Amino acid sequence: MTENPTADSPFGTSLPHDPFQAAKASALKAAEELRAAATQKASEFRTAAEARAHQFRDTAEQKATDIKEKAGEFADHTLSEARVRYDDLRAEAEKFAREKPLQALLTAFGVGFIVGTILRR
């Protein structure tokens, strides 16, 4: 056997039976394969994370829309209920003022006096 470099060697000048060069070439090849696999896994992970983030954002937007609609419905219901109570109270106050005008006038004067005294302090 001759110790000539082979044209089939990936490094050209290495000896075909040199165990250190073969181990080095094997380690370099394994490192390159590992780097490629890590790059591919990182890309897959990034894609999955982006998809999950979009899914979370869409879900959050939908829940926010639902809450906003429910809050609007609750506010409308509360406002209409308050209007009904106000109308009932106003009608009752008018009825009381028509039935007992002197008592209504004295009550209004008393309430006004108390509120004025409290606000002066």
N, C-alpha and C. Protein backbone atom coordinates (compact mmCIF):
# COMPACT_ATOMS: atom_id res chain seq x y z
N MET A 1 0.83 -1.18 0.00
CA MET A 1 0.00 0.00 0.00
C MET A 1 0.86 1.23 0.00
N THR A 2 0.38 2.21 -0.72
CA THR A 2 1.13 3.46 -0.77
C THR A 2 0.44 4.50 0.08
N GLU A 3 1.18 5.48 0.51
CA GLU A 3 0.65 6.50 1.38
C GLU A 3 0.32 7.76 0.59
N ASN A 4 -0.36 7.62 -0.51
CA ASN A 4 -0.71 8.76 -1.35
C ASN A 4 -2.06 9.31 -0.93
N PRO A 5 -2.19 10.64 -1.03
CA PRO A 5 -3.52 11.19 -0.73
C PRO A 5 -4.52 10.70 -1.75
N THR A 6 -5.70 10.46 -1.31
CA THR A 6 -6.73 9.97 -2.21
C THR A 6 -7.60 11.11 -2.68
N ALA A 7 -8.12 10.99 -3.86
CA ALA A 7 -9.01 12.01 -4.42
C ALA A 7 -10.39 11.88 -3.81
N ASP A 8 -10.69 10.71 -3.22
CA ASP A 8 -12.01 10.49 -2.63
C ASP A 8 -12.13 11.09 -1.23
N SER A 9 -11.05 11.47 -0.62
CA SER A 9 -11.06 12.01 0.74
C SER A 9 -11.74 13.38 0.75
N PRO A 10 -12.56 13.67 1.75
CA PRO A 10 -13.25 14.96 1.78
C PRO A 10 -12.29 16.12 2.02
N PHE A 11 -11.10 15.85 2.54
CA PHE A 11 -10.15 16.92 2.83
C PHE A 11 -8.96 16.91 1.87
N GLY A 12 -8.93 15.99 0.96
CA GLY A 12 -7.93 15.96 -0.10
C GLY A 12 -6.58 15.46 0.33
N THR A 13 -5.98 16.01 1.33
CA THR A 13 -4.60 15.67 1.69
C THR A 13 -4.50 14.69 2.84
N SER A 14 -5.59 14.25 3.39
CA SER A 14 -5.51 13.36 4.53
C SER A 14 -5.14 11.96 4.11
N LEU A 15 -4.55 11.28 5.02
CA LEU A 15 -4.17 9.90 4.75
C LEU A 15 -5.37 9.00 4.98
N PRO A 16 -5.53 7.97 4.19
CA PRO A 16 -6.72 7.14 4.29
C PRO A 16 -6.81 6.37 5.60
N HIS A 17 -5.72 6.11 6.27
CA HIS A 17 -5.78 5.31 7.48
C HIS A 17 -5.39 6.10 8.73
N ASP A 18 -5.41 7.41 8.68
CA ASP A 18 -5.05 8.21 9.83
C ASP A 18 -6.26 8.28 10.76
N PRO A 19 -6.21 7.67 11.95
CA PRO A 19 -7.39 7.62 12.82
C PRO A 19 -7.76 8.99 13.39
N PHE A 20 -6.78 9.87 13.60
CA PHE A 20 -7.09 11.19 14.14
C PHE A 20 -7.81 12.05 13.12
N GLN A 21 -7.39 11.98 11.89
CA GLN A 21 -8.05 12.75 10.83
C GLN A 21 -9.46 12.21 10.57
N ALA A 22 -9.63 10.92 10.62
CA ALA A 22 -10.95 10.32 10.43
C ALA A 22 -11.88 10.72 11.57
N ALA A 23 -11.36 10.72 12.79
CA ALA A 23 -12.18 11.12 13.94
C ALA A 23 -12.55 12.59 13.85
N LYS A 24 -11.58 13.42 13.42
CA LYS A 24 -11.84 14.85 13.26
C LYS A 24 -12.90 15.08 12.20
N ALA A 25 -12.79 14.40 11.09
CA ALA A 25 -13.78 14.54 10.01
C ALA A 25 -15.15 14.07 10.49
N SER A 26 -15.16 12.98 11.21
CA SER A 26 -16.43 12.46 11.73
C SER A 26 -17.05 13.43 12.74
N ALA A 27 -16.22 14.03 13.60
CA ALA A 27 -16.72 14.99 14.59
C ALA A 27 -17.25 16.25 13.90
N LEU A 28 -16.54 16.72 12.88
CA LEU A 28 -17.00 17.89 12.13
C LEU A 28 -18.33 17.62 11.44
N LYS A 29 -18.43 16.44 10.87
CA LYS A 29 -19.67 16.06 10.19
C LYS A 29 -20.82 15.97 11.20
N ALA A 30 -20.57 15.37 12.35
CA ALA A 30 -21.60 15.24 13.40
C ALA A 30 -21.99 16.62 13.92
N ALA A 31 -21.00 17.51 14.08
CA ALA A 31 -21.30 18.87 14.56
C ALA A 31 -22.15 19.62 13.55
N GLU A 32 -21.84 19.46 12.28
CA GLU A 32 -22.62 20.13 11.23
C GLU A 32 -24.06 19.59 11.19
N GLU A 33 -24.21 18.28 11.33
CA GLU A 33 -25.55 17.68 11.36
C GLU A 33 -26.32 18.14 12.60
N LEU A 34 -25.63 18.24 13.73
CA LEU A 34 -26.27 18.70 14.96
C LEU A 34 -26.70 20.16 14.83
N ARG A 35 -25.84 20.99 14.22
CA ARG A 35 -26.19 22.40 14.02
C ARG A 35 -27.39 22.53 13.09
N ALA A 36 -27.42 21.75 12.03
CA ALA A 36 -28.55 21.79 11.09
C ALA A 36 -29.83 21.34 11.78
N ALA A 37 -29.74 20.27 12.58
CA ALA A 37 -30.92 19.78 13.30
C ALA A 37 -31.39 20.81 14.32
N ALA A 38 -30.45 21.45 15.02
CA ALA A 38 -30.83 22.47 16.01
C ALA A 38 -31.48 23.67 15.33
N THR A 39 -30.95 24.06 14.19
CA THR A 39 -31.54 25.18 13.44
C THR A 39 -32.96 24.83 13.00
N GLN A 40 -33.14 23.61 12.52
CA GLN A 40 -34.47 23.18 12.08
C GLN A 40 -35.44 23.13 13.26
N LYS A 41 -35.01 22.59 14.39
CA LYS A 41 -35.88 22.52 15.58
C LYS A 41 -36.21 23.92 16.09
N ALA A 42 -35.24 24.82 16.06
CA ALA A 42 -35.50 26.20 16.50
C ALA A 42 -36.53 26.86 15.59
N SER A 43 -36.42 26.60 14.31
CA SER A 43 -37.39 27.16 13.36
C SER A 43 -38.78 26.58 13.61
N GLU A 44 -38.86 25.29 13.84
CA GLU A 44 -40.14 24.65 14.14
C GLU A 44 -40.73 25.20 15.44
N PHE A 45 -39.87 25.37 16.45
CA PHE A 45 -40.33 25.91 17.73
C PHE A 45 -40.84 27.34 17.56
N ARG A 46 -40.12 28.15 16.79
CA ARG A 46 -40.53 29.53 16.55
C ARG A 46 -41.88 29.57 15.84
N THR A 47 -42.05 28.73 14.85
CA THR A 47 -43.32 28.68 14.12
C THR A 47 -44.47 28.25 15.03
N ALA A 48 -44.22 27.25 15.86
CA ALA A 48 -45.25 26.78 16.80
C ALA A 48 -45.58 27.86 17.83
N ALA A 49 -44.55 28.55 18.32
CA ALA A 49 -44.78 29.62 19.30
C ALA A 49 -45.57 30.77 18.68
N GLU A 50 -45.26 31.12 17.44
CA GLU A 50 -46.00 32.19 16.77
C GLU A 50 -47.46 31.79 16.57
N ALA A 51 -47.69 30.54 16.18
CA ALA A 51 -49.06 30.06 15.98
C ALA A 51 -49.83 30.09 17.30
N ARG A 52 -49.17 29.67 18.38
CA ARG A 52 -49.82 29.66 19.69
C ARG A 52 -50.11 31.10 20.15
N ALA A 53 -49.17 32.02 19.89
CA ALA A 53 -49.38 33.42 20.25
C ALA A 53 -50.56 34.01 19.48
N HIS A 54 -50.65 33.70 18.21
CA HIS A 54 -51.80 34.18 17.42
C HIS A 54 -53.10 33.60 17.96
N GLN A 55 -53.06 32.33 18.33
CA GLN A 55 -54.25 31.69 18.88
C GLN A 55 -54.66 32.35 20.20
N PHE A 56 -53.70 32.60 21.08
CA PHE A 56 -54.00 33.28 22.35
C PHE A 56 -54.55 34.68 22.11
N ARG A 57 -53.95 35.41 21.17
CA ARG A 57 -54.40 36.77 20.88
C ARG A 57 -55.83 36.74 20.34
N ASP A 58 -56.12 35.83 19.43
CA ASP A 58 -57.47 35.73 18.89
C ASP A 58 -58.48 35.38 19.98
N THR A 59 -58.11 34.45 20.85
CA THR A 59 -59.00 34.07 21.94
C THR A 59 -59.23 35.24 22.89
N ALA A 60 -58.17 35.97 23.21
CA ALA A 60 -58.29 37.12 24.09
C ALA A 60 -59.16 38.21 23.46
N GLU A 61 -58.98 38.44 22.17
CA GLU A 61 -59.81 39.44 21.49
C GLU A 61 -61.28 39.03 21.51
N GLN A 62 -61.55 37.75 21.29
CA GLN A 62 -62.93 37.27 21.30
C GLN A 62 -63.53 37.42 22.69
N LYS A 63 -62.78 37.06 23.73
CA LYS A 63 -63.29 37.20 25.10
C LYS A 63 -63.51 38.66 25.45
N ALA A 64 -62.60 39.53 25.01
CA ALA A 64 -62.76 40.96 25.28
C ALA A 64 -64.01 41.50 24.58
N THR A 65 -64.25 41.05 23.37
CA THR A 65 -65.46 41.47 22.65
C THR A 65 -66.71 40.98 23.37
N ASP A 66 -66.68 39.73 23.83
CA ASP A 66 -67.83 39.18 24.56
C ASP A 66 -68.09 39.96 25.85
N ILE A 67 -67.01 40.26 26.58
CA ILE A 67 -67.17 41.01 27.83
C ILE A 67 -67.70 42.40 27.55
N LYS A 68 -67.19 43.02 26.50
CA LYS A 68 -67.65 44.37 26.14
C LYS A 68 -69.14 44.35 25.79
N GLU A 69 -69.57 43.35 25.04
CA GLU A 69 -70.99 43.24 24.69
C GLU A 69 -71.85 43.02 25.93
N LYS A 70 -71.40 42.13 26.82
CA LYS A 70 -72.16 41.86 28.04
C LYS A 70 -72.21 43.10 28.93
N ALA A 71 -71.09 43.82 29.01
CA ALA A 71 -71.07 45.05 29.82
C ALA A 71 -72.02 46.09 29.23
N GLY A 72 -72.05 46.18 27.91
CA GLY A 72 -72.98 47.11 27.26
C GLY A 72 -74.43 46.74 27.53
N GLU A 73 -74.73 45.45 27.44
CA GLU A 73 -76.09 44.99 27.72
C GLU A 73 -76.46 45.27 29.17
N PHE A 74 -75.52 45.01 30.10
CA PHE A 74 -75.77 45.26 31.51
C PHE A 74 -75.99 46.75 31.76
N ALA A 75 -75.18 47.60 31.12
CA ALA A 75 -75.32 49.04 31.30
C ALA A 75 -76.67 49.52 30.74
N ASP A 76 -77.06 49.01 29.58
CA ASP A 76 -78.36 49.39 29.01
C ASP A 76 -79.51 48.96 29.92
N HIS A 77 -79.42 47.73 30.43
CA HIS A 77 -80.46 47.21 31.32
C HIS A 77 -80.53 48.04 32.60
N THR A 78 -79.37 48.35 33.18
CA THR A 78 -79.32 49.13 34.41
C THR A 78 -79.86 50.53 34.19
N LEU A 79 -79.50 51.13 33.06
CA LEU A 79 -79.97 52.48 32.76
C LEU A 79 -81.49 52.51 32.58
N SER A 80 -82.02 51.54 31.85
CA SER A 80 -83.47 51.51 31.66
C SER A 80 -84.19 51.25 32.99
N GLU A 81 -83.61 50.40 33.83
CA GLU A 81 -84.20 50.13 35.15
C GLU A 81 -84.16 51.39 36.02
N ALA A 82 -83.06 52.13 35.96
CA ALA A 82 -82.94 53.37 36.73
C ALA A 82 -83.96 54.41 36.23
N ARG A 83 -84.18 54.47 34.94
CA ARG A 83 -85.17 55.41 34.39
C ARG A 83 -86.57 55.07 34.88
N VAL A 84 -86.87 53.77 34.90
CA VAL A 84 -88.19 53.34 35.38
C VAL A 84 -88.35 53.72 36.85
N ARG A 85 -87.32 53.47 37.67
CA ARG A 85 -87.40 53.82 39.09
C ARG A 85 -87.52 55.33 39.28
N TYR A 86 -86.78 56.09 38.48
CA TYR A 86 -86.86 57.55 38.56
C TYR A 86 -88.27 58.03 38.20
N ASP A 87 -88.82 57.49 37.13
CA ASP A 87 -90.17 57.89 36.73
C ASP A 87 -91.19 57.54 37.82
N ASP A 88 -91.06 56.35 38.43
CA ASP A 88 -91.96 55.96 39.51
C ASP A 88 -91.82 56.89 40.71
N LEU A 89 -90.58 57.21 41.08
CA LEU A 89 -90.34 58.09 42.21
C LEU A 89 -90.85 59.50 41.94
N ARG A 90 -90.64 59.99 40.72
CA ARG A 90 -91.12 61.32 40.36
C ARG A 90 -92.65 61.36 40.40
N ALA A 91 -93.28 60.33 39.86
CA ALA A 91 -94.75 60.28 39.87
C ALA A 91 -95.27 60.23 41.31
N GLU A 92 -94.60 59.46 42.16
CA GLU A 92 -95.03 59.37 43.55
C GLU A 92 -94.84 60.71 44.27
N ALA A 93 -93.75 61.41 43.98
CA ALA A 93 -93.51 62.72 44.59
C ALA A 93 -94.55 63.74 44.12
N GLU A 94 -94.90 63.70 42.85
CA GLU A 94 -95.95 64.60 42.35
C GLU A 94 -97.29 64.32 43.01
N LYS A 95 -97.60 63.04 43.15
CA LYS A 95 -98.85 62.64 43.79
C LYS A 95 -98.89 63.12 45.24
N PHE A 96 -97.77 62.94 45.95
CA PHE A 96 -97.68 63.38 47.34
C PHE A 96 -97.82 64.90 47.43
N ALA A 97 -97.16 65.64 46.50
CA ALA A 97 -97.22 67.11 46.52
C ALA A 97 -98.63 67.60 46.22
N ARG A 98 -99.39 66.90 45.40
CA ARG A 98 -100.76 67.31 45.07
C ARG A 98 -101.72 66.99 46.22
N GLU A 99 -101.47 65.85 46.88
CA GLU A 99 -102.36 65.46 47.97
C GLU A 99 -102.10 66.28 49.25
N LYS A 100 -100.84 66.53 49.56
CA LYS A 100 -100.48 67.22 50.80
C LYS A 100 -99.44 68.30 50.47
N PRO A 101 -99.86 69.44 49.90
CA PRO A 101 -98.90 70.45 49.45
C PRO A 101 -98.11 71.09 50.60
N LEU A 102 -98.75 71.36 51.73
CA LEU A 102 -98.06 72.01 52.85
C LEU A 102 -96.98 71.09 53.42
N GLN A 103 -97.29 69.82 53.61
CA GLN A 103 -96.32 68.86 54.14
C GLN A 103 -95.16 68.69 53.15
N ALA A 104 -95.43 68.66 51.85
CA ALA A 104 -94.39 68.53 50.83
C ALA A 104 -93.48 69.75 50.84
N LEU A 105 -94.06 70.94 50.99
CA LEU A 105 -93.27 72.17 51.03
C LEU A 105 -92.37 72.20 52.26
N LEU A 106 -92.90 71.85 53.42
CA LEU A 106 -92.10 71.83 54.64
C LEU A 106 -90.99 70.77 54.58
N THR A 107 -91.29 69.63 53.98
CA THR A 107 -90.28 68.57 53.83
C THR A 107 -89.15 69.05 52.91
N ALA A 108 -89.52 69.68 51.79
CA ALA A 108 -88.51 70.19 50.87
C ALA A 108 -87.66 71.26 51.54
N PHE A 109 -88.27 72.16 52.32
CA PHE A 109 -87.53 73.18 53.04
C PHE A 109 -86.56 72.55 54.03
N GLY A 110 -87.01 71.55 54.77
CA GLY A 110 -86.17 70.88 55.76
C GLY A 110 -84.99 70.17 55.12
N VAL A 111 -85.24 69.47 54.04
CA VAL A 111 -84.16 68.76 53.35
C VAL A 111 -83.16 69.77 52.79
N GLY A 112 -83.66 70.85 52.19
CA GLY A 112 -82.77 71.89 51.66
C GLY A 112 -81.94 72.54 52.75
N PHE A 113 -82.53 72.79 53.91
CA PHE A 113 -81.81 73.40 55.04
C PHE A 113 -80.69 72.48 55.52
N ILE A 114 -80.99 71.20 55.67
CA ILE A 114 -79.99 70.23 56.14
C ILE A 114 -78.85 70.10 55.14
N VAL A 115 -79.18 70.00 53.85
CA VAL A 115 -78.14 69.87 52.82
C VAL A 115 -77.30 71.14 52.78
N GLY A 116 -77.91 72.30 52.88
CA GLY A 116 -77.17 73.56 52.91
C GLY A 116 -76.22 73.65 54.09
N THR A 117 -76.67 73.20 55.23
CA THR A 117 -75.82 73.21 56.43
C THR A 117 -74.63 72.27 56.27
N ILE A 118 -74.88 71.12 55.72
CA ILE A 118 -73.79 70.15 55.52
C ILE A 118 -72.77 70.68 54.50
N LEU A 119 -73.23 71.31 53.45
CA LEU A 119 -72.33 71.81 52.41
C LEU A 119 -71.53 73.02 52.86
N ARG A 120 -72.00 73.78 53.81
CA ARG A 120 -71.26 74.94 54.30
C ARG A 120 -70.00 74.54 55.06
N ARG A 121 -70.01 73.40 55.68
CA ARG A 121 -68.88 72.96 56.53
C ARG A 121 -67.70 72.58 55.72
